[in-house]
Amino acid sequence: MRVLIVEDEELLADTTAEGLRDQAIAVDVVYDGAEALYRTSYTEYDVIVLDRDLPEVHGDEVCRQLVAGRVSSRILMLTAADQVDEKIDGLSLGADDYLTKPFVFGELVARIRALARRSASPLPPVLERSGVRLDPHRRTVSRDGRGVVLTNKEFIVLEELLRADGGVVSVENLLFKAWDEHIDPFSNVVRVIMATLRKKLGDPPVIETVTGAGYRL
């Protein structure tokens, strides 16, 4: 899941982002409406957490433009106003959900996950290749019938390799899918994940390194 937080209260935005990252959610943060529109023009998000009272471009206008542009992202609007009329206004602009500030962090996470399920494309029940079987709904993995326990990052990386159906997946794409914009593009985290995946999946090796291009299964 990839989430964009649009919030001009920088401390709130940053602490919320850190909390979501602890929940294994990839998060980007911007502090004004203009930057939000720019960021969404080239990055696809599952959920956009959008503060209504924003500088540069008001949150209402950001929402209006996103809906008009038919972005696939679900929009969760935040506001300090808890009047029913305010909520109706926000939803009438095309927001998918509404949450007043201050909010309980657990509720925010639950709402984000619920919206992400609504925005997700239908998934095949099982992905399978070379004896590796991954069930994205049950979050289970096996190799030749033997159960394999993976971390969240390992699961995401393996899922991307399986979805490629034998094609090469670049390091950049894996970083984008499993981490977020703050990851160092020169980091060796993908190489480390590949080493642990190969060890857990066992012999014979099924993950191939394609020099200068990436990895394939």
C-alpha atoms as a PDB file:
ATOM      1  CA  MET A   1       0.000   0.000   0.000  1.00  0.00           C
ATOM      2  CA  ARG A   2       1.232   3.509  -0.814  1.00  0.00           C
ATOM      3  CA  VAL A   3      -0.205   6.558   0.963  1.00  0.00           C
ATOM      4  CA  LEU A   4       0.211  10.309   0.454  1.00  0.00           C
ATOM      5  CA  ILE A   5      -0.286  12.579   3.473  1.00  0.00           C
ATOM      6  CA  VAL A   6      -1.191  16.174   2.596  1.00  0.00           C
ATOM      7  CA  GLU A   7      -1.028  18.204   5.801  1.00  0.00           C
ATOM      8  CA  ASP A   8       0.371  21.684   6.497  1.00  0.00           C
ATOM      9  CA  GLU A   9       0.949  20.998  10.209  1.00  0.00           C
ATOM     10  CA  GLU A  10       4.386  19.534   9.650  1.00  0.00           C
ATOM     11  CA  LEU A  11       4.771  17.898  13.076  1.00  0.00           C
ATOM     12  CA  LEU A  12       1.409  16.148  12.719  1.00  0.00           C
ATOM     13  CA  ALA A  13       2.195  15.098   9.160  1.00  0.00           C
ATOM     14  CA  ASP A  14       5.622  13.710  10.029  1.00  0.00           C
ATOM     15  CA  THR A  15       4.564  11.871  13.185  1.00  0.00           C
ATOM     16  CA  THR A  16       1.571  10.365  11.386  1.00  0.00           C
ATOM     17  CA  ALA A  17       3.821   9.231   8.552  1.00  0.00           C
ATOM     18  CA  GLU A  18       6.241   7.574  10.958  1.00  0.00           C
ATOM     19  CA  GLY A  19       3.384   5.770  12.647  1.00  0.00           C
ATOM     20  CA  LEU A  20       2.076   4.475   9.325  1.00  0.00           C
ATOM     21  CA  ARG A  21       5.543   3.320   8.291  1.00  0.00           C
ATOM     22  CA  ASP A  22       5.656   1.303  11.514  1.00  0.00           C
ATOM     23  CA  GLN A  23       2.525  -0.417  10.162  1.00  0.00           C
ATOM     24  CA  ALA A  24       4.458  -1.447   7.004  1.00  0.00           C
ATOM     25  CA  ILE A  25       2.759   1.230   4.887  1.00  0.00           C
ATOM     26  CA  ALA A  26       4.817   3.225   2.363  1.00  0.00           C
ATOM     27  CA  VAL A  27       4.156   6.935   2.973  1.00  0.00           C
ATOM     28  CA  ASP A  28       5.033  10.192   1.194  1.00  0.00           C
ATOM     29  CA  VAL A  29       4.367  13.593   2.784  1.00  0.00           C
ATOM     30  CA  VAL A  30       3.672  17.038   1.311  1.00  0.00           C
ATOM     31  CA  TYR A  31       2.703  20.200   3.184  1.00  0.00           C
ATOM     32  CA  ASP A  32       0.553  22.144   0.716  1.00  0.00           C
ATOM     33  CA  GLY A  33      -2.089  21.637  -1.940  1.00  0.00           C
ATOM     34  CA  ALA A  34       0.026  22.669  -4.911  1.00  0.00           C
ATOM     35  CA  GLU A  35       2.678  20.083  -4.085  1.00  0.00           C
ATOM     36  CA  ALA A  36      -0.052  17.469  -3.612  1.00  0.00           C
ATOM     37  CA  LEU A  37      -1.369  18.052  -7.136  1.00  0.00           C
ATOM     38  CA  TYR A  38       2.145  17.909  -8.558  1.00  0.00           C
ATOM     39  CA  ARG A  39       3.028  14.707  -6.690  1.00  0.00           C
ATOM     40  CA  THR A  40      -0.145  12.904  -7.733  1.00  0.00           C
ATOM     41  CA  SER A  41       0.486  13.831 -11.364  1.00  0.00           C
ATOM     42  CA  TYR A  42       3.311  11.282 -11.566  1.00  0.00           C
ATOM     43  CA  THR A  43       2.846   8.943  -8.584  1.00  0.00           C
ATOM     44  CA  GLU A  44      -0.114   6.627  -8.062  1.00  0.00           C
ATOM     45  CA  TYR A  45      -1.323   6.276  -4.479  1.00  0.00           C
ATOM     46  CA  ASP A  46      -3.791   3.848  -2.971  1.00  0.00           C
ATOM     47  CA  VAL A  47      -4.995   6.409  -0.419  1.00  0.00           C
ATOM     48  CA  ILE A  48      -4.547  10.184  -0.086  1.00  0.00           C
ATOM     49  CA  VAL A  49      -4.987  11.605   3.418  1.00  0.00           C
ATOM     50  CA  LEU A  50      -5.975  15.181   2.607  1.00  0.00           C
ATOM     51  CA  ASP A  51      -6.246  18.035   5.100  1.00  0.00           C
ATOM     52  CA  ARG A  52      -9.039  20.381   4.111  1.00  0.00           C
ATOM     53  CA  ASP A  53      -7.444  23.675   5.227  1.00  0.00           C
ATOM     54  CA  LEU A  54      -4.288  23.869   3.138  1.00  0.00           C
ATOM     55  CA  PRO A  55      -2.110  26.765   1.949  1.00  0.00           C
ATOM     56  CA  GLU A  56      -1.367  27.424  -1.739  1.00  0.00           C
ATOM     57  CA  VAL A  57      -4.311  25.376  -3.002  1.00  0.00           C
ATOM     58  CA  HIS A  58      -7.199  24.674  -0.617  1.00  0.00           C
ATOM     59  CA  GLY A  59      -7.935  21.044   0.193  1.00  0.00           C
ATOM     60  CA  ASP A  60     -11.371  21.353  -1.383  1.00  0.00           C
ATOM     61  CA  GLU A  61      -9.824  22.376  -4.692  1.00  0.00           C
ATOM     62  CA  VAL A  62      -7.235  19.598  -4.475  1.00  0.00           C
ATOM     63  CA  CYS A  63     -10.035  17.086  -3.971  1.00  0.00           C
ATOM     64  CA  ARG A  64     -12.064  18.592  -6.806  1.00  0.00           C
ATOM     65  CA  GLN A  65      -9.135  18.382  -9.242  1.00  0.00           C
ATOM     66  CA  LEU A  66      -8.216  14.842  -8.238  1.00  0.00           C
ATOM     67  CA  VAL A  67     -11.782  13.663  -8.757  1.00  0.00           C
ATOM     68  CA  ALA A  68     -12.047  15.518 -12.067  1.00  0.00           C
ATOM     69  CA  GLY A  69      -8.797  13.902 -13.174  1.00  0.00           C
ATOM     70  CA  ARG A  70     -10.263  10.484 -12.340  1.00  0.00           C
ATOM     71  CA  VAL A  71      -7.353   9.415 -10.157  1.00  0.00           C
ATOM     72  CA  SER A  72      -7.788   5.908  -8.808  1.00  0.00           C
ATOM     73  CA  SER A  73      -6.716   6.949  -5.294  1.00  0.00           C
ATOM     74  CA  ARG A  74      -9.217   6.910  -2.455  1.00  0.00           C
ATOM     75  CA  ILE A  75      -9.381  10.234  -0.584  1.00  0.00           C
ATOM     76  CA  LEU A  76      -9.645  10.504   3.196  1.00  0.00           C
ATOM     77  CA  MET A  77     -10.319  14.140   4.108  1.00  0.00           C
ATOM     78  CA  LEU A  78      -9.156  15.596   7.431  1.00  0.00           C
ATOM     79  CA  THR A  79     -10.524  18.712   9.109  1.00  0.00           C
ATOM     80  CA  ALA A  80     -10.717  20.327  12.532  1.00  0.00           C
ATOM     81  CA  ALA A  81     -14.419  21.048  11.946  1.00  0.00           C
ATOM     82  CA  ASP A  82     -16.792  18.347  13.161  1.00  0.00           C
ATOM     83  CA  GLN A  83     -20.110  19.850  12.065  1.00  0.00           C
ATOM     84  CA  VAL A  84     -22.280  17.600   9.929  1.00  0.00           C
ATOM     85  CA  ASP A  85     -22.507  20.259   7.198  1.00  0.00           C
ATOM     86  CA  GLU A  86     -18.719  20.330   6.915  1.00  0.00           C
ATOM     87  CA  LYS A  87     -18.619  16.557   6.481  1.00  0.00           C
ATOM     88  CA  ILE A  88     -21.357  16.676   3.858  1.00  0.00           C
ATOM     89  CA  ASP A  89     -19.447  19.372   1.955  1.00  0.00           C
ATOM     90  CA  GLY A  90     -16.263  17.310   1.963  1.00  0.00           C
ATOM     91  CA  LEU A  91     -17.974  14.148   0.797  1.00  0.00           C
ATOM     92  CA  SER A  92     -19.905  16.021  -1.879  1.00  0.00           C
ATOM     93  CA  LEU A  93     -16.582  17.074  -3.407  1.00  0.00           C
ATOM     94  CA  GLY A  94     -15.782  13.427  -4.023  1.00  0.00           C
ATOM     95  CA  ALA A  95     -13.881  12.430  -0.876  1.00  0.00           C
ATOM     96  CA  ASP A  96     -14.387   8.773   0.049  1.00  0.00           C
ATOM     97  CA  ASP A  97     -14.193   9.245   3.808  1.00  0.00           C
ATOM     98  CA  TYR A  98     -13.951  11.981   6.423  1.00  0.00           C
ATOM     99  CA  LEU A  99     -12.110  12.178   9.748  1.00  0.00           C
ATOM    100  CA  THR A 100     -12.041  15.057  12.220  1.00  0.00           C
ATOM    101  CA  LYS A 101      -8.936  16.232  14.063  1.00  0.00           C
ATOM    102  CA  PRO A 102      -7.729  15.357  16.607  1.00  0.00           C
ATOM    103  CA  PHE A 103      -8.119  11.712  15.652  1.00  0.00           C
ATOM    104  CA  VAL A 104      -7.199   8.395  17.224  1.00  0.00           C
ATOM    105  CA  PHE A 105      -4.275   6.953  15.279  1.00  0.00           C
ATOM    106  CA  GLY A 106      -5.734   3.438  15.289  1.00  0.00           C
ATOM    107  CA  GLU A 107      -8.906   4.716  13.653  1.00  0.00           C
ATOM    108  CA  LEU A 108      -6.879   6.469  10.951  1.00  0.00           C
ATOM    109  CA  VAL A 109      -5.017   3.230  10.177  1.00  0.00           C
ATOM    110  CA  ALA A 110      -8.277   1.256  10.039  1.00  0.00           C
ATOM    111  CA  ARG A 111      -9.881   3.766   7.682  1.00  0.00           C
ATOM    112  CA  ILE A 112      -6.818   3.843   5.414  1.00  0.00           C
ATOM    113  CA  ARG A 113      -6.751   0.050   5.176  1.00  0.00           C
ATOM    114  CA  ALA A 114     -10.482  -0.073   4.444  1.00  0.00           C
ATOM    115  CA  LEU A 115     -10.123   2.503   1.660  1.00  0.00           C
ATOM    116  CA  ALA A 116      -7.105   0.702   0.212  1.00  0.00           C
ATOM    117  CA  ARG A 117      -9.109  -2.507  -0.049  1.00  0.00           C
ATOM    118  CA  ARG A 118     -11.729  -0.623  -2.031  1.00  0.00           C
ATOM    119  CA  SER A 119      -9.148   0.869  -4.410  1.00  0.00           C
ATOM    120  CA  ALA A 120      -7.157  -2.286  -4.990  1.00  0.00           C
ATOM    121  CA  SER A 121      -7.446  -4.109  -8.288  1.00  0.00           C
ATOM    122  CA  PRO A 122      -8.816  -7.660  -8.084  1.00  0.00           C
ATOM    123  CA  LEU A 123      -6.028 -10.060  -7.217  1.00  0.00           C
ATOM    124  CA  PRO A 124      -5.632 -13.595  -8.472  1.00  0.00           C
ATOM    125  CA  PRO A 125      -6.279 -16.085  -5.668  1.00  0.00           C
ATOM    126  CA  VAL A 126      -2.808 -17.566  -5.915  1.00  0.00           C
ATOM    127  CA  LEU A 127       0.474 -16.686  -7.633  1.00  0.00           C
ATOM    128  CA  GLU A 128       2.649 -19.660  -8.504  1.00  0.00           C
ATOM    129  CA  ARG A 129       5.902 -20.229 -10.365  1.00  0.00           C
ATOM    130  CA  SER A 130       8.802 -22.684 -10.111  1.00  0.00           C
ATOM    131  CA  GLY A 131       7.243 -24.404  -7.106  1.00  0.00           C
ATOM    132  CA  VAL A 132       6.796 -21.130  -5.217  1.00  0.00           C
ATOM    133  CA  ARG A 133       3.181 -20.512  -4.236  1.00  0.00           C
ATOM    134  CA  LEU A 134       1.998 -17.175  -2.788  1.00  0.00           C
ATOM    135  CA  ASP A 135      -1.528 -16.429  -1.618  1.00  0.00           C
ATOM    136  CA  PRO A 136      -1.929 -12.615  -1.430  1.00  0.00           C
ATOM    137  CA  HIS A 137      -5.212 -12.842   0.488  1.00  0.00           C
ATOM    138  CA  ARG A 138      -4.112 -15.275   3.189  1.00  0.00           C
ATOM    139  CA  ARG A 139      -0.569 -13.853   3.188  1.00  0.00           C
ATOM    140  CA  THR A 140       0.973 -17.318   2.945  1.00  0.00           C
ATOM    141  CA  VAL A 141       3.953 -18.623   0.991  1.00  0.00           C
ATOM    142  CA  SER A 142       5.154 -22.152   0.292  1.00  0.00           C
ATOM    143  CA  ARG A 143       7.920 -23.797  -1.733  1.00  0.00           C
ATOM    144  CA  ASP A 144       7.146 -27.276  -3.075  1.00  0.00           C
ATOM    145  CA  GLY A 145       4.491 -27.662  -0.378  1.00  0.00           C
ATOM    146  CA  ARG A 146       6.745 -26.475   2.472  1.00  0.00           C
ATOM    147  CA  GLY A 147       5.521 -23.393   4.329  1.00  0.00           C
ATOM    148  CA  VAL A 148       7.832 -20.360   4.247  1.00  0.00           C
ATOM    149  CA  VAL A 149       7.592 -17.545   6.800  1.00  0.00           C
ATOM    150  CA  LEU A 150       8.480 -14.112   5.381  1.00  0.00           C
ATOM    151  CA  THR A 151       8.701 -10.570   6.725  1.00  0.00           C
ATOM    152  CA  ASN A 152       6.421  -7.906   5.220  1.00  0.00           C
ATOM    153  CA  LYS A 153       9.178  -6.589   2.939  1.00  0.00           C
ATOM    154  CA  GLU A 154      10.174 -10.069   1.793  1.00  0.00           C
ATOM    155  CA  PHE A 155       6.538 -10.886   1.019  1.00  0.00           C
ATOM    156  CA  ILE A 156       6.075  -7.712  -1.068  1.00  0.00           C
ATOM    157  CA  VAL A 157       9.296  -8.305  -3.016  1.00  0.00           C
ATOM    158  CA  LEU A 158       8.429 -11.945  -3.715  1.00  0.00           C
ATOM    159  CA  GLU A 159       4.930 -10.948  -4.802  1.00  0.00           C
ATOM    160  CA  GLU A 160       6.360  -8.465  -7.316  1.00  0.00           C
ATOM    161  CA  LEU A 161       8.681 -11.116  -8.732  1.00  0.00           C
ATOM    162  CA  LEU A 162       5.807 -13.566  -9.120  1.00  0.00           C
ATOM    163  CA  ARG A 163       3.549 -10.964 -10.726  1.00  0.00           C
ATOM    164  CA  ALA A 164       6.232 -10.316 -13.346  1.00  0.00           C
ATOM    165  CA  ASP A 165       5.646 -13.922 -14.536  1.00  0.00           C
ATOM    166  CA  GLY A 166       9.258 -14.503 -15.496  1.00  0.00           C
ATOM    167  CA  GLY A 167       9.996 -10.917 -16.469  1.00  0.00           C
ATOM    168  CA  VAL A 168      12.793  -8.873 -14.958  1.00  0.00           C
ATOM    169  CA  VAL A 169      11.869  -6.565 -12.066  1.00  0.00           C
ATOM    170  CA  SER A 170      14.210  -3.616 -11.579  1.00  0.00           C
ATOM    171  CA  VAL A 171      15.662  -2.587  -8.221  1.00  0.00           C
ATOM    172  CA  GLU A 172      13.966   0.800  -8.665  1.00  0.00           C
ATOM    173  CA  ASN A 173      10.569  -0.823  -9.027  1.00  0.00           C
ATOM    174  CA  LEU A 174      11.124  -2.980  -5.948  1.00  0.00           C
ATOM    175  CA  LEU A 175      12.169   0.070  -3.929  1.00  0.00           C
ATOM    176  CA  PHE A 176       9.045   1.920  -5.089  1.00  0.00           C
ATOM    177  CA  LYS A 177       6.717  -0.963  -4.216  1.00  0.00           C
ATOM    178  CA  ALA A 178       8.162  -2.031  -0.871  1.00  0.00           C
ATOM    179  CA  TRP A 179       9.650   1.138   0.578  1.00  0.00           C
ATOM    180  CA  ASP A 180       8.942   4.855  -0.003  1.00  0.00           C
ATOM    181  CA  GLU A 181      10.554   8.000  -1.402  1.00  0.00           C
ATOM    182  CA  HIS A 182      12.846   8.403   1.611  1.00  0.00           C
ATOM    183  CA  ILE A 183      14.784   5.232   0.870  1.00  0.00           C
ATOM    184  CA  ASP A 184      18.276   5.844  -0.466  1.00  0.00           C
ATOM    185  CA  PRO A 185      18.233   4.742  -4.134  1.00  0.00           C
ATOM    186  CA  PHE A 186      21.801   3.493  -3.620  1.00  0.00           C
ATOM    187  CA  SER A 187      20.826   1.431  -0.581  1.00  0.00           C
ATOM    188  CA  ASN A 188      21.635  -2.283  -0.554  1.00  0.00           C
ATOM    189  CA  VAL A 189      18.302  -3.216   1.090  1.00  0.00           C
ATOM    190  CA  VAL A 190      17.054  -5.020  -2.021  1.00  0.00           C
ATOM    191  CA  ARG A 191      20.218  -7.113  -2.215  1.00  0.00           C
ATOM    192  CA  VAL A 192      19.857  -8.000   1.467  1.00  0.00           C
ATOM    193  CA  ILE A 193      16.191  -8.952   1.005  1.00  0.00           C
ATOM    194  CA  MET A 194      17.100 -11.115  -1.995  1.00  0.00           C
ATOM    195  CA  ALA A 195      19.736 -12.932   0.060  1.00  0.00           C
ATOM    196  CA  THR A 196      17.243 -13.737   2.830  1.00  0.00           C
ATOM    197  CA  LEU A 197      14.551 -14.736   0.324  1.00  0.00           C
ATOM    198  CA  ARG A 198      16.908 -17.148  -1.433  1.00  0.00           C
ATOM    199  CA  LYS A 199      17.874 -18.675   1.895  1.00  0.00           C
ATOM    200  CA  LYS A 200      14.275 -19.097   3.030  1.00  0.00           C
ATOM    201  CA  LEU A 201      13.048 -20.486  -0.297  1.00  0.00           C
ATOM    202  CA  GLY A 202      15.859 -23.048  -0.307  1.00  0.00           C
ATOM    203  CA  ASP A 203      17.497 -25.057  -3.066  1.00  0.00           C
ATOM    204  CA  PRO A 204      17.551 -25.183  -5.987  1.00  0.00           C
ATOM    205  CA  PRO A 205      17.722 -21.374  -6.267  1.00  0.00           C
ATOM    206  CA  VAL A 206      14.777 -19.801  -8.095  1.00  0.00           C
ATOM    207  CA  ILE A 207      15.636 -16.078  -7.967  1.00  0.00           C
ATOM    208  CA  GLU A 208      18.046 -14.995 -10.684  1.00  0.00           C
ATOM    209  CA  THR A 209      20.100 -11.802 -10.680  1.00  0.00           C
ATOM    210  CA  VAL A 210      20.055 -10.161 -14.112  1.00  0.00           C
ATOM    211  CA  THR A 211      23.150  -7.984 -14.170  1.00  0.00           C
ATOM    212  CA  GLY A 212      22.370  -4.338 -14.797  1.00  0.00           C
ATOM    213  CA  ALA A 213      18.618  -4.978 -14.987  1.00  0.00           C
ATOM    214  CA  GLY A 214      17.271  -6.450 -11.765  1.00  0.00           C
ATOM    215  CA  TYR A 215      15.872  -9.810 -10.679  1.00  0.00           C
ATOM    216  CA  ARG A 216      13.509 -12.459 -11.959  1.00  0.00           C
ATOM    217  CA  LEU A 217      11.935 -15.643 -10.676  1.00  0.00           C
END
